[in-house]
Amino acid sequence: MPIEILMPALSPTMEEGTLATWLVKEGDTVASGDILAEIETDKATMEVEAVDEGTVAKLLVAAGSEGVKVNAPIALLLEEGEDASALDGYSAGGGAAKKAEAAPKAEAVETTEPKPAPETKAATADEPAAAAAPSASTSSGDRIFASPLAKRLAEQAGLDLASISGSGPKGRIVKADVEAAQSAPKTAPKPKSDAAPQPDPATTTEVGLPRATEGAEALSKMGIAPESYRLEPLDGVQKIIARRLTSSNVNVPDFPLTVDCEIDALLAMRKELNGQAPEGVKISVNDMLIRACALSLKAVPESNASYTADGIAYHHNADVAVAVASERGLITPIVRQAENKGLSTISTEMKDLATRARDGKLKPQEYQGGSFSISNLGMFGIREFGSIINEPHGMILSVGAGEPRAVVKDGALAIATVMTVTLTCDHRVVDGAAGARWLQHFKGLIQNPLTMML
């Protein structure tokens, strides 16, 4: 039976993608780990590796195809010993068509070729053979899917494939699963469940809101002539951003907290540090904000949390995501464990992440997850704004421009460089008091930046 290569989900939010390039052609022989194609996800361009070995029999999706649904078949591999006749009935619809044809064929054999009278004896004779080959079927009569290499390794190691959980597409058992089973302590095998995995309610919430405008036809009904505008279809990134932001805006009960921070001391320390920094290192205000946010998350641990359907998840580390604008849309690369990193390390790491984010070369683990977000529009002269929370984060900090303002010091007017920041909190996770304590600690670090170095 041919192996279906499926469109992978390379990020939690990915529902469809573009098959940019095939790196193999029909007739090529591939092994586990070989690169098959390049796929454009909702955030970056990723390489897709083979998890099975075999011969590329058919490419079902052409290079450059857009809107390919996750888990849709994109190619077929022939296993060892199979030839082109195994492809009968396969198309872009995949194995479902073949299975539908197989059932009536089997029924026809039974009706046209009835079994001989001593049926009980023949069935008894077949029972040992069926019991001796558990890798061919499960208790429900379905085949256990495993790559040829995995089958050979399991046979050599004396392992029962029915006792191994597969991590490949549709639960297919691959080489890594067999190796893991070999190294695992001997325990009673867990029963395999035929039930499809249930989606995480925290990440699959559907927002049942009517759309404001349903395309060009709706605009025409509103009296807007087609020649009066230019319509550009949404790409995958724009669809993902629209859906996630709508979900967050509707489902998250958020509230803002705003404070002004004087940053003259911060700017002076930054200038001094850059004067002494090694060549190639230039610390930015944003780098200092990342560290201040991380230290504040550790100082107020109840604010470093995410809401889930099962409870509140309190994070052990301050993984700070920073919004970066790119041609592909907004993406938030993450500085992991920022509380344990110095300013020069944060600066170097953030510069690399931002560059690759704009080029669409981030790996999924570099922008997925995190516990907190920063969005800085100060460079555009924006004085104050509020951001939509980037789920599953519990808070996001919106940073405005630092500018000279009149302030009162010791009862007299003075001039200071002031930056307004707004902390948007998920009230299910962070209440007003916790958010205020976080901002108080953050402001203290910003106005006394030497304390960041302790």
Protein backbone atom coordinates (compact mmCIF):
# COMPACT_ATOMS: atom_id res chain seq x y z
CA MET A 1 0.00 0.00 0.00
CA PRO A 2 1.58 3.34 -1.03
CA ILE A 3 2.64 5.72 1.71
CA GLU A 4 0.95 9.11 1.65
CA ILE A 5 3.21 12.11 2.25
CA LEU A 6 0.97 14.68 3.93
CA MET A 7 1.15 18.46 4.12
CA PRO A 8 2.67 18.92 7.59
CA ALA A 9 1.52 21.38 10.23
CA LEU A 10 4.77 23.18 10.97
CA SER A 11 3.22 25.56 13.50
CA PRO A 12 0.21 25.37 15.83
CA THR A 13 -1.65 28.02 13.85
CA MET A 14 -0.96 26.64 10.39
CA GLU A 15 -4.04 25.45 8.49
CA GLU A 16 -2.74 25.71 4.96
CA GLY A 17 0.50 26.59 3.23
CA THR A 18 2.31 26.96 -0.06
CA LEU A 19 4.35 24.10 -1.48
CA ALA A 20 7.21 26.29 -2.71
CA THR A 21 9.62 23.76 -4.22
CA TRP A 22 9.98 20.02 -4.70
CA LEU A 23 13.51 18.80 -4.05
CA VAL A 24 12.76 15.30 -5.39
CA LYS A 25 11.12 14.04 -8.57
CA GLU A 26 9.04 11.01 -9.45
CA GLY A 27 11.19 7.89 -9.52
CA ASP A 28 13.69 9.09 -6.91
CA THR A 29 14.52 6.81 -4.01
CA VAL A 30 14.41 8.50 -0.60
CA ALA A 31 15.38 7.46 2.91
CA SER A 32 14.25 8.67 6.30
CA GLY A 33 15.69 12.14 6.91
CA ASP A 34 16.00 13.13 3.23
CA ILE A 35 14.67 16.59 2.35
CA LEU A 36 11.60 16.32 0.14
CA ALA A 37 10.31 19.86 -0.31
CA GLU A 38 10.27 23.44 0.90
CA ILE A 39 6.98 24.65 2.34
CA GLU A 40 5.99 28.21 3.13
CA THR A 41 4.17 28.22 6.46
CA ASP A 42 2.21 31.05 8.02
CA LYS A 43 5.52 32.48 9.32
CA ALA A 44 8.54 31.08 7.49
CA THR A 45 9.87 28.77 4.78
CA MET A 46 10.69 25.31 6.14
CA GLU A 47 12.23 22.12 4.77
CA VAL A 48 10.19 18.92 4.99
CA GLU A 49 12.00 15.67 5.75
CA ALA A 50 10.94 12.15 4.81
CA VAL A 51 10.01 9.88 7.72
CA ASP A 52 9.73 6.77 5.54
CA GLU A 53 11.93 5.21 2.90
CA GLY A 54 10.69 4.29 -0.54
CA THR A 55 10.40 5.43 -4.14
CA VAL A 56 8.65 8.66 -5.09
CA ALA A 57 5.76 7.36 -7.16
CA LYS A 58 3.66 10.44 -7.69
CA LEU A 59 3.77 14.15 -6.82
CA LEU A 60 0.13 15.08 -6.16
CA VAL A 61 0.69 18.81 -5.66
CA ALA A 62 2.66 20.97 -8.08
CA ALA A 63 5.47 23.24 -6.91
CA GLY A 64 4.18 26.75 -6.26
CA SER A 65 0.70 25.58 -5.26
CA GLU A 66 -0.92 27.85 -2.68
CA GLY A 67 -3.61 27.07 -0.11
CA VAL A 68 -2.64 23.41 0.37
CA LYS A 69 -4.54 22.20 3.44
CA VAL A 70 -2.67 20.68 6.37
CA ASN A 71 -2.78 16.84 6.27
CA ALA A 72 -3.74 16.81 2.59
CA PRO A 73 -1.74 14.22 0.57
CA ILE A 74 1.00 15.90 -1.46
CA ALA A 75 2.94 12.86 -2.72
CA LEU A 76 2.96 9.06 -2.74
CA LEU A 77 5.83 6.70 -1.90
CA LEU A 78 6.01 3.09 -2.98
CA GLU A 79 7.29 0.71 -0.31
CA GLU A 80 9.79 -2.04 -0.99
CA GLY A 81 8.31 -4.63 -3.34
CA GLU A 82 5.51 -2.38 -4.63
CA ASP A 83 5.14 -1.25 -8.24
CA ALA A 84 3.03 1.30 -10.12
CA SER A 85 -0.04 -0.96 -9.99
CA ALA A 86 -0.36 -0.04 -6.30
CA LEU A 87 -1.32 3.49 -7.38
CA ASP A 88 -4.68 2.44 -8.88
CA GLY A 89 -7.39 4.64 -7.42
CA TYR A 90 -4.99 7.13 -5.87
CA SER A 91 -5.19 10.80 -6.74
CA ALA A 92 -5.14 14.10 -4.88
CA GLY A 93 -7.95 12.58 -2.82
CA GLY A 94 -5.50 9.96 -1.61
CA GLY A 95 -6.12 6.64 0.07
CA ALA A 96 -9.79 7.25 0.79
CA ALA A 97 -10.67 6.56 -2.82
CA LYS A 98 -8.67 3.34 -2.81
CA LYS A 99 -10.24 2.11 0.41
CA ALA A 100 -13.70 2.82 -0.97
CA GLU A 101 -12.96 0.63 -3.99
CA ALA A 102 -11.42 -2.17 -1.96
CA ALA A 103 -14.55 -3.00 0.03
CA PRO A 104 -16.86 -3.99 -2.86
CA LYS A 105 -14.06 -6.07 -4.43
CA ALA A 106 -13.68 -8.12 -1.27
CA GLU A 107 -17.46 -8.59 -1.05
CA ALA A 108 -17.60 -9.83 -4.64
CA VAL A 109 -14.98 -12.49 -3.92
CA GLU A 110 -17.00 -13.81 -1.00
CA THR A 111 -20.25 -14.07 -2.98
CA THR A 112 -18.79 -15.63 -6.12
CA GLU A 113 -16.41 -18.04 -4.40
CA PRO A 114 -18.19 -19.58 -1.38
CA LYS A 115 -16.03 -21.42 1.14
CA PRO A 116 -16.07 -25.24 1.26
CA ALA A 117 -18.22 -27.09 3.82
CA PRO A 118 -15.44 -27.87 6.42
CA GLU A 119 -15.18 -24.11 7.13
CA THR A 120 -14.58 -24.46 10.86
CA LYS A 121 -11.50 -26.60 10.35
CA ALA A 122 -9.98 -24.16 7.82
CA ALA A 123 -10.55 -21.25 10.16
CA THR A 124 -8.91 -23.15 13.02
CA ALA A 125 -5.89 -23.88 10.89
CA ASP A 126 -5.52 -20.19 10.07
CA GLU A 127 -5.66 -18.96 13.67
CA PRO A 128 -2.00 -19.65 14.62
CA ALA A 129 -0.77 -17.83 11.53
CA ALA A 130 -2.88 -14.79 12.37
CA ALA A 131 -1.67 -14.78 15.94
CA ALA A 132 1.95 -15.06 14.84
CA ALA A 133 1.75 -11.90 12.73
CA PRO A 134 0.54 -9.08 15.02
CA SER A 135 2.38 -6.48 12.91
CA ALA A 136 0.00 -7.05 10.02
CA SER A 137 -3.18 -5.99 11.79
CA THR A 138 -4.55 -4.52 15.00
CA SER A 139 -7.32 -5.84 17.20
CA SER A 140 -9.86 -4.02 15.04
CA GLY A 141 -8.53 -5.59 11.83
CA ASP A 142 -6.72 -2.47 10.60
CA ARG A 143 -3.15 -2.59 9.39
CA ILE A 144 -0.40 -1.27 11.62
CA PHE A 145 1.43 1.31 9.53
CA ALA A 146 5.20 1.26 9.82
CA SER A 147 8.05 2.17 7.52
CA PRO A 148 10.00 -0.75 6.00
CA LEU A 149 13.08 0.22 8.01
CA ALA A 150 11.05 0.30 11.22
CA LYS A 151 9.65 -3.16 10.44
CA ARG A 152 13.12 -4.62 9.91
CA LEU A 153 14.52 -3.03 13.07
CA ALA A 154 11.56 -4.24 15.12
CA GLU A 155 11.92 -7.76 13.75
CA GLN A 156 15.65 -7.81 14.50
CA ALA A 157 15.06 -6.56 18.04
CA GLY A 158 12.17 -8.96 18.66
CA LEU A 159 9.73 -6.10 19.26
CA ASP A 160 5.97 -6.30 18.69
CA LEU A 161 4.94 -3.39 16.46
CA ALA A 162 1.50 -3.38 18.12
CA SER A 163 3.15 -2.26 21.36
CA ILE A 164 4.92 0.73 19.75
CA SER A 165 3.31 4.16 19.38
CA GLY A 166 4.08 5.83 16.05
CA SER A 167 5.16 9.46 15.73
CA GLY A 168 5.02 9.64 11.94
CA PRO A 169 2.12 10.89 9.79
CA LYS A 170 -1.21 9.34 10.87
CA GLY A 171 0.59 7.44 13.63
CA ARG A 172 2.99 5.61 11.29
CA ILE A 173 5.82 3.87 13.17
CA VAL A 174 9.25 5.11 12.06
CA LYS A 175 12.85 4.29 12.90
CA ALA A 176 13.01 6.67 15.87
CA ASP A 177 9.96 5.00 17.48
CA VAL A 178 11.58 1.55 17.32
CA GLU A 179 14.87 2.87 18.73
CA ALA A 180 12.97 4.56 21.56
CA ALA A 181 11.14 1.31 22.31
CA GLN A 182 14.46 -0.55 22.44
CA SER A 183 15.95 1.86 24.96
CA ALA A 184 12.80 2.20 27.08
CA PRO A 185 12.46 0.11 30.27
CA LYS A 186 10.36 -2.99 29.83
CA THR A 187 6.80 -2.20 30.88
CA ALA A 188 3.41 -3.53 30.01
CA PRO A 189 2.36 -2.19 26.61
CA LYS A 190 -0.23 0.53 26.67
CA PRO A 191 -3.37 -0.10 24.64
CA LYS A 192 -3.45 1.96 21.49
CA SER A 193 -6.43 4.23 21.08
CA ASP A 194 -8.22 4.44 17.75
CA ALA A 195 -9.80 7.74 18.69
CA ALA A 196 -8.58 10.78 16.83
CA PRO A 197 -6.60 13.24 18.97
CA GLN A 198 -8.83 15.92 20.40
CA PRO A 199 -7.89 19.52 19.64
CA ASP A 200 -6.73 21.70 22.49
CA PRO A 201 -9.68 24.00 23.34
CA ALA A 202 -7.21 26.71 24.35
CA THR A 203 -5.87 26.92 20.80
CA THR A 204 -8.84 25.93 18.62
CA THR A 205 -11.51 28.30 19.77
CA GLU A 206 -13.72 29.30 16.88
CA VAL A 207 -15.12 32.79 16.94
CA GLY A 208 -18.65 32.73 15.57
CA LEU A 209 -18.82 36.35 14.49
CA PRO A 210 -20.35 37.57 11.24
CA ARG A 211 -17.83 39.03 8.86
CA ALA A 212 -18.12 42.73 8.17
CA THR A 213 -17.65 42.35 4.43
CA GLU A 214 -17.81 39.16 2.35
CA GLY A 215 -15.60 40.05 -0.60
CA ALA A 216 -16.10 42.02 -3.77
CA GLU A 217 -19.76 41.04 -4.14
CA ALA A 218 -20.59 42.56 -0.75
CA LEU A 219 -18.77 45.77 -1.65
CA SER A 220 -20.77 45.95 -4.86
CA LYS A 221 -24.04 45.59 -2.92
CA MET A 222 -22.93 48.50 -0.75
CA GLY A 223 -22.66 50.67 -3.83
CA ILE A 224 -18.85 50.57 -4.18
CA ALA A 225 -17.91 50.19 -7.84
CA PRO A 226 -15.24 47.55 -8.64
CA GLU A 227 -13.16 50.08 -10.59
CA SER A 228 -12.89 52.32 -7.52
CA TYR A 229 -10.58 50.03 -5.55
CA ARG A 230 -7.85 47.39 -5.90
CA LEU A 231 -8.56 44.03 -4.23
CA GLU A 232 -5.61 41.90 -3.12
CA PRO A 233 -6.41 38.38 -1.82
CA LEU A 234 -5.33 37.55 1.72
CA ASP A 235 -2.22 35.40 2.01
CA GLY A 236 -1.77 32.72 4.65
CA VAL A 237 -0.08 35.05 7.13
CA GLN A 238 -2.83 37.66 6.91
CA LYS A 239 -5.53 35.03 7.44
CA ILE A 240 -3.75 33.65 10.50
CA ILE A 241 -3.18 37.11 11.99
CA ALA A 242 -6.80 38.11 11.41
CA ARG A 243 -8.18 34.94 12.99
CA ARG A 244 -5.88 34.94 16.02
CA LEU A 245 -6.33 38.62 16.79
CA THR A 246 -10.10 38.34 16.44
CA SER A 247 -10.10 35.34 18.76
CA SER A 248 -7.97 37.15 21.33
CA ASN A 249 -9.97 40.36 21.14
CA VAL A 250 -13.25 38.50 21.67
CA ASN A 251 -12.25 35.74 24.10
CA VAL A 252 -9.71 37.44 26.37
CA PRO A 253 -11.11 39.78 29.06
CA ASP A 254 -8.22 42.23 29.01
CA PHE A 255 -7.58 45.59 30.63
CA PRO A 256 -4.82 48.23 30.26
CA LEU A 257 -2.51 49.80 32.85
CA THR A 258 -0.44 52.85 31.82
CA VAL A 259 2.56 54.56 33.44
CA ASP A 260 5.14 57.17 32.45
CA CYS A 261 8.83 56.32 32.89
CA GLU A 262 11.68 58.83 32.92
CA ILE A 263 14.49 57.36 30.82
CA ASP A 264 17.31 59.91 31.01
CA ALA A 265 19.38 57.62 33.26
CA LEU A 266 18.64 54.67 30.96
CA LEU A 267 19.83 56.58 27.90
CA ALA A 268 22.98 57.73 29.69
CA MET A 269 23.85 54.18 30.78
CA ARG A 270 23.20 52.85 27.28
CA LYS A 271 25.59 55.43 25.83
CA GLU A 272 28.27 54.49 28.35
CA LEU A 273 27.84 50.74 27.76
CA ASN A 274 28.05 51.11 23.99
CA GLY A 275 31.23 53.13 24.40
CA GLN A 276 32.82 50.17 26.20
CA ALA A 277 31.13 47.32 24.30
CA PRO A 278 33.18 45.00 22.09
CA GLU A 279 33.16 45.60 18.35
CA GLY A 280 29.91 44.57 16.70
CA VAL A 281 27.81 44.91 19.86
CA LYS A 282 25.44 47.87 20.07
CA ILE A 283 22.88 47.78 22.86
CA SER A 284 19.50 49.30 22.02
CA VAL A 285 16.79 50.68 24.28
CA ASN A 286 14.71 47.67 23.25
CA ASP A 287 17.40 45.30 24.55
CA MET A 288 17.26 47.03 27.93
CA LEU A 289 13.46 46.82 27.93
CA ILE A 290 13.63 43.07 27.28
CA ARG A 291 15.87 42.57 30.30
CA ALA A 292 13.72 44.84 32.50
CA CYS A 293 10.60 42.89 31.49
CA ALA A 294 12.26 39.55 32.22
CA LEU A 295 13.48 40.64 35.64
CA SER A 296 10.03 42.02 36.47
CA LEU A 297 8.39 38.73 35.49
CA LYS A 298 10.69 36.89 37.90
CA ALA A 299 10.10 39.49 40.64
CA VAL A 300 6.30 39.17 40.27
CA PRO A 301 5.96 35.47 39.36
CA GLU A 302 2.15 35.45 39.50
CA SER A 303 2.21 37.66 36.40
CA ASN A 304 4.34 35.22 34.39
CA ALA A 305 1.41 32.97 33.56
CA SER A 306 -0.94 31.71 30.85
CA TYR A 307 -4.62 30.79 30.96
CA THR A 308 -5.60 27.27 29.86
CA ALA A 309 -8.82 25.29 30.08
CA ASP A 310 -7.17 23.03 32.68
CA GLY A 311 -5.86 25.82 34.93
CA ILE A 312 -3.30 28.61 35.17
CA ALA A 313 0.16 27.72 33.85
CA TYR A 314 2.89 29.52 35.81
CA HIS A 315 6.09 29.69 33.76
CA HIS A 316 9.50 28.90 35.29
CA ASN A 317 11.39 31.20 32.91
CA ALA A 318 10.83 34.62 31.38
CA ASP A 319 10.62 33.89 27.65
CA VAL A 320 10.07 37.32 26.12
CA ALA A 321 8.58 37.61 22.62
CA VAL A 322 9.32 40.79 20.67
CA ALA A 323 7.05 41.96 17.83
CA VAL A 324 8.95 42.35 14.54
CA ALA A 325 7.31 43.72 11.39
CA SER A 326 8.18 41.93 8.16
CA GLU A 327 6.83 41.69 4.63
CA ARG A 328 5.14 38.44 5.65
CA GLY A 329 3.30 40.14 8.51
CA LEU A 330 3.92 40.51 12.23
CA ILE A 331 6.06 37.82 13.86
CA THR A 332 7.27 37.54 17.45
CA PRO A 333 10.69 35.85 17.86
CA ILE A 334 11.42 34.87 21.45
CA VAL A 335 14.41 35.57 23.68
CA ARG A 336 14.39 32.45 25.87
CA GLN A 337 15.29 32.71 29.57
CA ALA A 338 15.96 36.43 29.16
CA GLU A 339 16.29 36.80 32.95
CA ASN A 340 19.56 34.84 32.79
CA LYS A 341 21.12 36.81 29.91
CA GLY A 342 23.19 39.98 29.97
CA LEU A 343 22.49 42.99 27.79
CA SER A 344 25.19 42.15 25.23
CA THR A 345 23.85 38.60 24.86
CA ILE A 346 20.28 39.85 24.48
CA SER A 347 21.45 42.43 21.92
CA THR A 348 23.32 39.88 19.77
CA GLU A 349 20.53 37.31 19.96
CA MET A 350 17.76 39.80 19.21
CA LYS A 351 19.60 41.24 16.23
CA ASP A 352 19.96 37.75 14.73
CA LEU A 353 16.32 36.84 15.44
CA ALA A 354 14.98 40.08 13.95
CA THR A 355 17.06 39.68 10.78
CA ARG A 356 15.91 36.11 10.19
CA ALA A 357 12.32 37.04 11.08
CA ARG A 358 12.28 39.63 8.29
CA ASP A 359 13.82 37.10 5.88
CA GLY A 360 11.29 34.41 6.82
CA LYS A 361 14.01 32.05 8.07
CA LEU A 362 12.99 31.49 11.69
CA LYS A 363 12.44 27.96 12.94
CA PRO A 364 9.03 27.29 14.55
CA GLN A 365 10.58 26.87 18.00
CA GLU A 366 12.02 30.38 17.70
CA TYR A 367 8.63 32.09 17.50
CA GLN A 368 6.22 29.61 19.11
CA GLY A 369 5.46 29.75 22.82
CA GLY A 370 6.88 32.36 25.16
CA SER A 371 5.26 33.86 28.23
CA PHE A 372 5.18 37.62 27.56
CA SER A 373 5.24 40.05 24.61
CA ILE A 374 6.70 43.49 23.86
CA SER A 375 5.49 45.75 21.05
CA ASN A 376 7.51 48.93 20.53
CA LEU A 377 6.25 51.67 18.19
CA GLY A 378 8.37 54.42 19.69
CA MET A 379 10.55 54.64 16.59
CA PHE A 380 7.46 55.78 14.65
CA GLY A 381 6.77 58.60 17.07
CA ILE A 382 3.73 56.91 18.64
CA ARG A 383 3.32 58.35 22.11
CA GLU A 384 0.92 55.82 23.63
CA PHE A 385 -1.06 52.78 22.47
CA GLY A 386 -2.50 49.48 23.63
CA SER A 387 -1.86 46.05 22.05
CA ILE A 388 -3.99 42.95 21.63
CA ILE A 389 -2.70 40.09 23.79
CA ASN A 390 -0.74 37.44 21.91
CA GLU A 391 -2.27 34.24 23.29
CA PRO A 392 -1.33 32.24 25.29
CA HIS A 393 0.66 35.07 26.89
CA GLY A 394 -0.92 36.64 29.94
CA MET A 395 0.35 40.17 29.23
CA ILE A 396 1.80 42.39 26.50
CA LEU A 397 3.70 45.66 26.95
CA SER A 398 3.15 48.50 24.47
CA VAL A 399 6.08 50.95 24.37
CA GLY A 400 5.72 54.51 23.12
CA ALA A 401 8.30 57.10 22.08
CA GLY A 402 10.68 58.68 24.57
CA GLU A 403 10.34 62.46 24.29
CA PRO A 404 11.12 65.59 26.31
CA ARG A 405 8.21 66.52 28.56
CA ALA A 406 7.55 68.93 31.38
CA VAL A 407 7.61 67.17 34.76
CA VAL A 408 7.41 68.31 38.34
CA LYS A 409 10.49 67.61 40.50
CA ASP A 410 10.75 68.81 44.10
CA GLY A 411 7.79 71.12 43.55
CA ALA A 412 9.29 72.81 40.49
CA LEU A 413 8.86 72.33 36.75
CA ALA A 414 11.66 70.52 34.94
CA ILE A 415 12.33 68.81 31.59
CA ALA A 416 12.81 65.04 31.41
CA THR A 417 12.77 62.39 28.69
CA VAL A 418 9.59 60.44 29.33
CA MET A 419 8.38 57.18 27.79
CA THR A 420 4.77 56.00 28.18
CA VAL A 421 4.15 52.26 28.41
CA THR A 422 0.83 50.40 28.55
CA LEU A 423 0.56 46.91 30.01
CA THR A 424 -2.41 44.93 28.66
CA CYS A 425 -3.36 42.06 31.01
CA ASP A 426 -5.52 38.98 30.66
CA HIS A 427 -7.80 39.36 33.69
CA ARG A 428 -8.27 35.58 33.92
CA VAL A 429 -4.58 35.33 34.80
CA VAL A 430 -3.34 38.72 36.02
CA ASP A 431 -5.58 40.94 38.12
CA GLY A 432 -5.15 44.68 38.57
CA ALA A 433 -3.00 44.42 41.69
CA ALA A 434 -0.57 41.93 40.11
CA GLY A 435 -0.32 44.01 36.96
CA ALA A 436 0.32 47.16 39.00
CA ARG A 437 3.08 45.44 40.99
CA TRP A 438 4.71 44.33 37.75
CA LEU A 439 4.62 47.86 36.32
CA GLN A 440 5.98 49.29 39.59
CA HIS A 441 8.97 46.95 39.46
CA PHE A 442 9.49 47.59 35.73
CA LYS A 443 9.42 51.36 36.20
CA GLY A 444 11.94 51.10 39.04
CA LEU A 445 14.38 49.24 36.78
CA ILE A 446 13.92 51.70 33.92
CA GLN A 447 14.44 54.78 36.08
CA ASN A 448 17.34 53.20 38.02
CA PRO A 449 18.95 51.06 35.27
CA LEU A 450 22.02 50.13 37.34
CA THR A 451 19.73 47.76 39.26
CA MET A 452 19.39 45.69 36.05
CA MET A 453 23.06 44.81 36.36
CA LEU A 454 22.77 43.30 39.85
